[in-house]
Protein backbone atom coordinates (compact mmCIF):
# COMPACT_ATOMS: atom_id res chain seq x y z
CA UNK A 1 0.00 0.00 0.00
CA UNK A 2 1.52 3.37 -1.01
CA UNK A 3 1.62 6.48 1.17
CA UNK A 4 -1.47 8.10 -0.36
CA UNK A 5 -3.53 4.92 0.02
CA UNK A 6 -2.48 4.60 3.67
CA UNK A 7 -3.35 8.23 4.31
CA UNK A 8 -6.74 7.84 2.68
CA UNK A 9 -7.44 4.63 4.61
CA UNK A 10 -6.82 6.51 7.89
CA UNK A 11 -9.28 9.25 6.87
CA UNK A 12 -11.93 6.69 5.91
CA UNK A 13 -11.56 5.02 9.30
CA UNK A 14 -11.83 8.39 11.05
CA UNK A 15 -14.94 9.56 9.13
CA UNK A 16 -16.66 6.19 9.50
CA UNK A 17 -16.02 6.19 13.24
CA UNK A 18 -17.32 9.75 13.70
CA UNK A 19 -20.44 9.11 11.63
CA UNK A 20 -21.21 5.79 13.38
CA UNK A 21 -20.75 7.33 16.82
CA UNK A 22 -22.78 10.52 16.26
CA UNK A 23 -25.30 9.36 13.64
CA UNK A 24 -25.63 5.55 14.02
CA UNK A 25 -28.15 4.94 11.23
CA UNK A 26 -26.97 7.45 8.60
CA UNK A 27 -24.88 4.99 6.55
CA UNK A 28 -27.68 2.43 6.69
CA UNK A 29 -30.26 4.91 5.41
CA UNK A 30 -27.89 6.50 2.89
CA UNK A 31 -25.45 3.72 1.89
CA UNK A 32 -22.17 5.10 0.60
CA UNK A 33 -21.73 2.42 -2.07
CA UNK A 34 -25.12 3.32 -3.56
CA UNK A 35 -24.15 6.99 -3.56
CA UNK A 36 -20.89 6.13 -5.36
CA UNK A 37 -22.75 4.03 -7.94
CA UNK A 38 -25.27 6.82 -8.60
CA UNK A 39 -22.49 9.37 -9.03
CA UNK A 40 -20.52 7.20 -11.45
CA UNK A 41 -23.58 6.28 -13.52
CA UNK A 42 -24.72 9.88 -14.01
CA UNK A 43 -23.75 10.87 -17.54
CA UNK A 44 -23.55 14.59 -18.28
CA UNK A 45 -24.62 15.32 -21.85
CA UNK A 46 -23.68 18.49 -23.74
CA UNK A 47 -21.89 21.59 -22.56
CA UNK A 48 -22.62 23.18 -19.22
CA UNK A 49 -23.77 20.07 -17.34
CA UNK A 50 -22.98 19.45 -13.69
CA UNK A 51 -21.44 16.38 -12.08
CA UNK A 52 -24.22 15.53 -9.61
CA UNK A 53 -27.67 14.24 -10.54
CA UNK A 54 -30.86 15.65 -9.05
CA UNK A 55 -31.39 12.34 -7.27
CA UNK A 56 -28.08 12.68 -5.39
CA UNK A 57 -28.76 16.32 -4.63
CA UNK A 58 -32.04 15.37 -2.99
CA UNK A 59 -30.28 12.76 -0.84
CA UNK A 60 -27.65 15.26 0.29
CA UNK A 61 -30.37 17.75 1.19
CA UNK A 62 -32.20 15.08 3.22
CA UNK A 63 -29.02 14.24 5.13
CA UNK A 64 -28.48 17.90 5.98
CA UNK A 65 -32.09 18.48 7.03
CA UNK A 66 -32.40 15.27 9.07
CA UNK A 67 -28.94 15.11 10.66
CA UNK A 68 -27.48 18.63 10.48
CA UNK A 69 -24.40 20.43 9.11
CA UNK A 70 -21.80 18.28 10.84
CA UNK A 71 -23.32 15.08 9.41
CA UNK A 72 -23.35 16.25 5.81
CA UNK A 73 -19.79 17.58 6.16
CA UNK A 74 -18.54 14.19 7.41
CA UNK A 75 -20.57 12.29 4.79
CA UNK A 76 -19.20 14.39 1.92
CA UNK A 77 -15.64 14.06 3.22
CA UNK A 78 -16.08 10.30 3.48
CA UNK A 79 -17.39 10.23 -0.08
CA UNK A 80 -14.25 11.96 -1.37
CA UNK A 81 -11.95 9.62 0.57
CA UNK A 82 -13.87 6.55 -0.62
CA UNK A 83 -13.56 7.67 -4.24
CA UNK A 84 -9.80 8.15 -3.90
CA UNK A 85 -9.41 4.70 -2.36
CA UNK A 86 -11.53 3.07 -5.07
CA UNK A 87 -9.75 4.96 -7.86
CA UNK A 88 -6.24 4.01 -6.70
CA UNK A 89 -7.20 0.33 -6.89
CA UNK A 90 -8.92 0.55 -10.27
CA UNK A 91 -7.68 -0.73 -13.64
CA UNK A 92 -8.77 2.57 -15.18
CA UNK A 93 -6.30 4.46 -12.98
CA UNK A 94 -3.44 2.01 -13.55
CA UNK A 95 -3.87 2.33 -17.33
CA UNK A 96 -3.58 6.13 -17.36
CA UNK A 97 -0.42 7.72 -18.81
CA UNK A 98 2.20 8.23 -16.08
CA UNK A 99 2.03 12.07 -16.16
CA UNK A 100 -1.74 11.95 -15.58
CA UNK A 101 -1.34 9.44 -12.76
CA UNK A 102 1.22 11.65 -11.05
CA UNK A 103 -0.98 14.75 -11.41
CA UNK A 104 -3.92 12.76 -10.02
CA UNK A 105 -1.87 11.62 -7.01
CA UNK A 106 -0.94 15.23 -6.33
CA UNK A 107 -4.63 16.12 -6.42
CA UNK A 108 -5.52 13.32 -3.99
CA UNK A 109 -2.81 14.50 -1.59
CA UNK A 110 -4.25 18.01 -1.73
CA UNK A 111 -7.76 16.69 -1.03
CA UNK A 112 -6.48 14.84 2.04
CA UNK A 113 -4.74 18.00 3.20
CA UNK A 114 -8.00 19.90 2.68
CA UNK A 115 -9.76 17.60 5.15
CA UNK A 116 -7.79 19.36 7.88
CA UNK A 117 -7.49 22.82 6.33
CA UNK A 118 -10.74 23.65 4.54
CA UNK A 119 -13.68 25.10 6.52
CA UNK A 120 -16.76 22.91 6.94
CA UNK A 121 -18.66 25.14 4.52
CA UNK A 122 -16.38 23.95 1.69
CA UNK A 123 -18.06 20.53 1.79
CA UNK A 124 -21.27 21.54 0.06
CA UNK A 125 -22.70 19.77 -3.00
CA UNK A 126 -24.02 23.13 -4.24
CA UNK A 127 -20.49 24.52 -4.54
CA UNK A 128 -18.66 23.81 -7.76
CA UNK A 129 -15.28 23.44 -6.04
CA UNK A 130 -16.57 20.41 -4.11
CA UNK A 131 -18.29 18.91 -7.17
CA UNK A 132 -15.04 19.26 -9.10
CA UNK A 133 -13.12 17.55 -6.29
CA UNK A 134 -15.53 14.61 -6.52
CA UNK A 135 -15.12 14.44 -10.30
CA UNK A 136 -11.31 14.47 -10.13
CA UNK A 137 -11.23 11.87 -7.35
CA UNK A 138 -13.55 9.54 -9.28
CA UNK A 139 -11.89 9.89 -12.72
CA UNK A 140 -14.94 11.63 -14.19
CA UNK A 141 -12.46 14.45 -14.78
CA UNK A 142 -8.67 14.36 -15.11
CA UNK A 143 -5.98 16.92 -14.25
CA UNK A 144 -3.78 17.58 -17.28
CA UNK A 145 -1.20 19.97 -15.83
CA UNK A 146 -0.97 23.70 -15.24
CA UNK A 147 -4.32 25.28 -14.39
CA UNK A 148 -6.47 22.81 -16.27
CA UNK A 149 -8.53 19.65 -16.17
CA UNK A 150 -10.58 17.81 -18.78
CA UNK A 151 -13.90 16.01 -18.90
CA UNK A 152 -14.90 13.53 -21.55
CA UNK A 153 -18.36 14.51 -22.73
CA UNK A 154 -20.63 13.02 -25.35
CA UNK A 155 -22.11 15.82 -27.44
CA UNK A 156 -23.96 16.58 -30.58
CA UNK A 157 -21.50 18.61 -32.62
CA UNK A 158 -24.11 21.32 -33.27
CA UNK A 159 -24.46 21.95 -29.51
CA UNK A 160 -20.77 22.84 -29.26
CA UNK A 161 -21.33 25.91 -31.40
CA UNK A 162 -24.33 27.31 -29.51
CA UNK A 163 -24.31 30.18 -27.06
CA UNK A 164 -25.28 29.63 -23.43
CA UNK A 165 -26.41 31.68 -20.45
CA UNK A 166 -25.37 31.43 -16.82
CA UNK A 167 -27.96 30.92 -14.06
CA UNK A 168 -27.53 34.57 -13.08
CA UNK A 169 -28.64 35.63 -16.57
CA UNK A 170 -31.71 33.41 -16.76
CA UNK A 171 -34.22 36.11 -15.97
CA UNK A 172 -37.02 37.09 -18.37
CA UNK A 173 -35.46 40.44 -19.20
CA UNK A 174 -32.12 38.96 -20.22
CA UNK A 175 -33.18 36.22 -22.64
CA UNK A 176 -34.47 36.23 -26.21
CA UNK A 177 -38.02 34.89 -26.64
CA UNK A 178 -37.03 31.43 -27.92
CA UNK A 179 -34.49 31.04 -25.13
CA UNK A 180 -37.13 32.04 -22.53
CA UNK A 181 -39.39 29.24 -23.81
CA UNK A 182 -36.54 26.70 -23.73
CA UNK A 183 -35.53 27.65 -20.17
CA UNK A 184 -39.15 27.54 -18.97
CA UNK A 185 -39.64 24.10 -20.57
CA UNK A 186 -36.43 22.73 -19.06
CA UNK A 187 -37.39 24.10 -15.62
CA UNK A 188 -40.78 22.36 -15.85
CA UNK A 189 -39.21 19.05 -16.94
CA UNK A 190 -36.72 19.19 -14.05
CA UNK A 191 -39.54 19.83 -11.56
CA UNK A 192 -41.43 16.85 -12.94
CA UNK A 193 -38.24 14.73 -12.76
CA UNK A 194 -38.50 14.08 -16.51
CA UNK A 195 -35.49 16.02 -17.81
CA UNK A 196 -32.83 13.33 -17.32
CA UNK A 197 -35.15 10.70 -18.86
CA UNK A 198 -35.73 12.93 -21.91
CA UNK A 199 -31.99 13.49 -22.32
CA UNK A 200 -31.50 9.72 -22.21
CA UNK A 201 -34.11 9.24 -24.97
CA UNK A 202 -32.43 11.89 -27.13
CA UNK A 203 -29.08 10.18 -26.56
CA UNK A 204 -30.44 7.01 -28.10
CA UNK A 205 -32.16 8.85 -30.95
CA UNK A 206 -29.21 10.95 -32.16
CA UNK A 207 -25.54 10.08 -32.66
CA UNK A 208 -23.15 11.68 -30.16
CA UNK A 209 -19.41 12.21 -30.26
CA UNK A 210 -17.00 12.31 -27.33
CA UNK A 211 -14.67 15.25 -26.79
CA UNK A 212 -12.23 16.27 -24.10
CA UNK A 213 -13.52 19.57 -22.71
CA UNK A 214 -10.78 21.76 -21.21
CA UNK A 215 -11.65 23.77 -18.09
CA UNK A 216 -9.69 25.92 -15.66
CA UNK A 217 -9.18 25.09 -11.96
CA UNK A 218 -9.51 28.43 -10.16
CA UNK A 219 -7.20 27.52 -7.28
CA UNK A 220 -4.47 26.69 -9.81
CA UNK A 221 -4.57 30.03 -11.65
CA UNK A 222 -0.93 30.81 -10.66
CA UNK A 223 0.05 27.87 -12.89
CA UNK A 224 -1.59 29.49 -15.96
CA UNK A 225 1.27 29.81 -18.48
CA UNK A 226 2.18 29.07 -22.08
CA UNK A 227 4.71 26.42 -21.04
CA UNK A 228 2.19 24.60 -18.82
CA UNK A 229 -0.44 24.81 -21.57
CA UNK A 230 1.92 23.01 -23.96
CA UNK A 231 2.52 20.30 -21.33
CA UNK A 232 -1.24 19.94 -20.89
CA UNK A 233 -1.75 19.49 -24.64
CA UNK A 234 0.96 16.81 -24.69
CA UNK A 235 -0.82 14.98 -21.86
CA UNK A 236 -4.13 15.17 -23.73
CA UNK A 237 -2.44 13.78 -26.84
CA UNK A 238 -1.35 10.73 -24.83
CA UNK A 239 -4.91 10.23 -23.63
CA UNK A 240 -6.24 10.55 -27.19
CA UNK A 241 -3.86 7.83 -28.38
CA UNK A 242 -5.21 5.54 -25.66
CA UNK A 243 -8.86 6.40 -26.31
CA UNK A 244 -9.81 6.22 -30.00
CA UNK A 245 -13.48 6.91 -29.20
CA UNK A 246 -12.64 10.55 -28.33
CA UNK A 247 -12.94 12.82 -31.37
CA UNK A 248 -10.64 15.58 -30.08
CA UNK A 249 -10.48 18.65 -27.85
CA UNK A 250 -13.22 21.21 -27.32
CA UNK A 251 -12.71 24.48 -25.52
CA UNK A 252 -14.75 27.66 -25.16
CA UNK A 253 -13.99 30.87 -23.30
CA UNK A 254 -13.79 34.62 -23.49
CA UNK A 255 -9.99 34.37 -23.49
CA UNK A 256 -10.07 32.64 -26.88
CA UNK A 257 -11.28 35.89 -28.47
CA UNK A 258 -8.73 36.96 -31.16
CA UNK A 259 -9.50 40.60 -30.28
CA UNK A 260 -7.45 40.10 -27.11
CA UNK A 261 -4.26 39.96 -29.17
CA UNK A 262 -4.18 43.76 -29.29
CA UNK A 263 -4.89 44.35 -25.58
CA UNK A 264 -3.54 41.17 -23.93
CA UNK A 265 -1.04 39.62 -26.36
CA UNK A 266 0.31 37.29 -23.65
CA UNK A 267 -2.90 35.22 -23.96
CA UNK A 268 -2.73 34.73 -27.73
CA UNK A 269 -1.08 31.31 -27.38
CA UNK A 270 -4.39 29.95 -26.06
CA UNK A 271 -5.95 30.06 -29.53
CA UNK A 272 -2.92 30.46 -31.82
CA UNK A 273 -1.29 27.10 -31.00
CA UNK A 274 -4.47 25.09 -31.76
CA UNK A 275 -5.54 27.13 -34.82
CA UNK A 276 -2.07 27.02 -36.37
CA UNK A 277 -2.21 23.26 -36.04
CA UNK A 278 -5.58 22.39 -37.51
CA UNK A 279 -8.17 23.60 -34.98
CA UNK A 280 -11.23 25.53 -36.10
CA UNK A 281 -12.13 28.64 -34.09
CA UNK A 282 -15.78 29.73 -33.83
CA UNK A 283 -17.46 32.84 -32.48
CA UNK A 284 -20.12 31.74 -29.97
CA UNK A 285 -21.52 35.08 -28.82
CA UNK A 286 -21.24 37.88 -26.26
CA UNK A 287 -20.46 37.09 -22.62
CA UNK A 288 -23.07 37.26 -19.89
CA UNK A 289 -22.67 39.64 -16.95
CA UNK A 290 -20.73 37.14 -14.84
CA UNK A 291 -18.16 36.43 -17.56
CA UNK A 292 -17.89 40.11 -18.44
CA UNK A 293 -16.78 40.82 -14.88
CA UNK A 294 -14.21 38.02 -15.11
CA UNK A 295 -12.89 39.30 -18.43
CA UNK A 296 -12.49 42.92 -17.36
CA UNK A 297 -11.74 42.28 -13.69
CA UNK A 298 -8.39 40.66 -14.50
CA UNK A 299 -7.05 43.54 -16.59
CA UNK A 300 -7.20 47.35 -16.17
CA UNK A 301 -6.60 47.68 -19.92
CA UNK A 302 -9.60 45.52 -20.83
CA UNK A 303 -11.72 47.27 -18.22
CA UNK A 304 -10.89 50.68 -19.66
CA UNK A 305 -11.60 49.58 -23.22
CA UNK A 306 -14.88 47.94 -22.14
CA UNK A 307 -16.07 51.12 -20.42
CA UNK A 308 -15.22 53.15 -23.51
CA UNK A 309 -17.14 50.73 -25.73
CA UNK A 310 -14.03 49.57 -27.60
CA UNK A 311 -14.09 46.02 -26.21
CA UNK A 312 -17.02 43.67 -25.89
CA UNK A 313 -16.09 40.42 -24.08
CA UNK A 314 -17.02 37.64 -26.48
CA UNK A 315 -16.97 33.86 -26.21
CA UNK A 316 -15.08 31.87 -28.82
CA UNK A 317 -14.61 28.12 -29.07
CA UNK A 318 -12.41 25.73 -30.96
CA UNK A 319 -12.59 22.08 -32.00
CA UNK A 320 -9.17 20.44 -32.40
CA UNK A 321 -9.48 16.96 -33.89
CA UNK A 322 -7.67 13.97 -32.38
CA UNK A 323 -5.63 13.51 -35.59
CA UNK A 324 -4.35 17.09 -35.50
CA UNK A 325 -3.63 17.06 -31.75
CA UNK A 326 -1.63 13.84 -31.97
CA UNK A 327 0.25 15.13 -35.04
CA UNK A 328 1.13 18.35 -33.18
CA UNK A 329 2.38 16.37 -30.17
CA UNK A 330 4.51 14.11 -32.39
CA UNK A 331 6.08 17.19 -33.96
CA UNK A 332 6.93 18.57 -30.52
CA UNK A 333 8.53 15.28 -29.50
CA UNK A 334 10.52 15.14 -32.75
CA UNK A 335 11.68 18.76 -32.39
CA UNK A 336 12.93 18.06 -28.85
CA UNK A 337 14.82 14.97 -30.05
CA UNK A 338 16.56 17.04 -32.73
CA UNK A 339 17.25 20.00 -30.44
CA UNK A 340 17.44 18.66 -26.88
CA UNK A 341 17.60 21.17 -24.07
CA UNK A 342 21.08 21.73 -22.69
CA UNK A 343 21.49 20.90 -18.98
CA UNK A 344 21.38 23.97 -16.78
């Protein structure tokens, strides 16, 4: 048993003991193995989905209401630790490329450290940081280096090129008429517990393709750099070679906007490397209020240009096919073999 596995085993023992002592029937009423199975079986379709099904959310809410804040905190910590333990013993983990395995181990060590250092409020299924921790501990998402992680998602290609709205923007005054109808219909289907069933039916009716979606881990923003991005692409290329069912990379963000080259040239590598090597860049549409604040909040220059009307934060996306990603990675490997770095 390696050091991480031993550490995780100790945490599992601790959380189990505390739950059994303070809430004797909680694990009988809400079995952890069933929770793990439900989480793993939930398949997020299309862009913008979350990691946790409505069924699991309802169970977490019941635990909090019936047993209190301390119970749900311990339960959610135990869930993380159990996922790490299960993942380390899985064939899926052992078959990952070595760089991805090492990055995953680093993540698991950080999660164990968080058990002692994060406030109880961190362990909340409504908070994305916790949901992401679950996804990375269960292999539903993978760290790829730098500031980034990927999810494999099955999507209709047309959906990758559509605009989207954040929850904060989903008010009647902020949506076009057709979008208002779509949001109202989805809300009704969710309330009737029919939405996930409908998505499943559509899955079977229309062909889907798998892509690796790249996302940013907020707590790793200091690692956001051109060098780390190149390492991340190399890691994705290894995963693509192992997984022929994945069609390529998909990414969308306001920082893929080519207009940024004039005001923030240091970010241009984010779209120039893929597009110079076969990726297609698409304009998705203007940012919502939340993303506008992110785009201008990180740069006084962008903020000034936005206030003067000379910059409108806009979302762009690219699709980089598996063939082109792997070819790019092979070229990088070849270039390094011809011109190896001199020892410092």
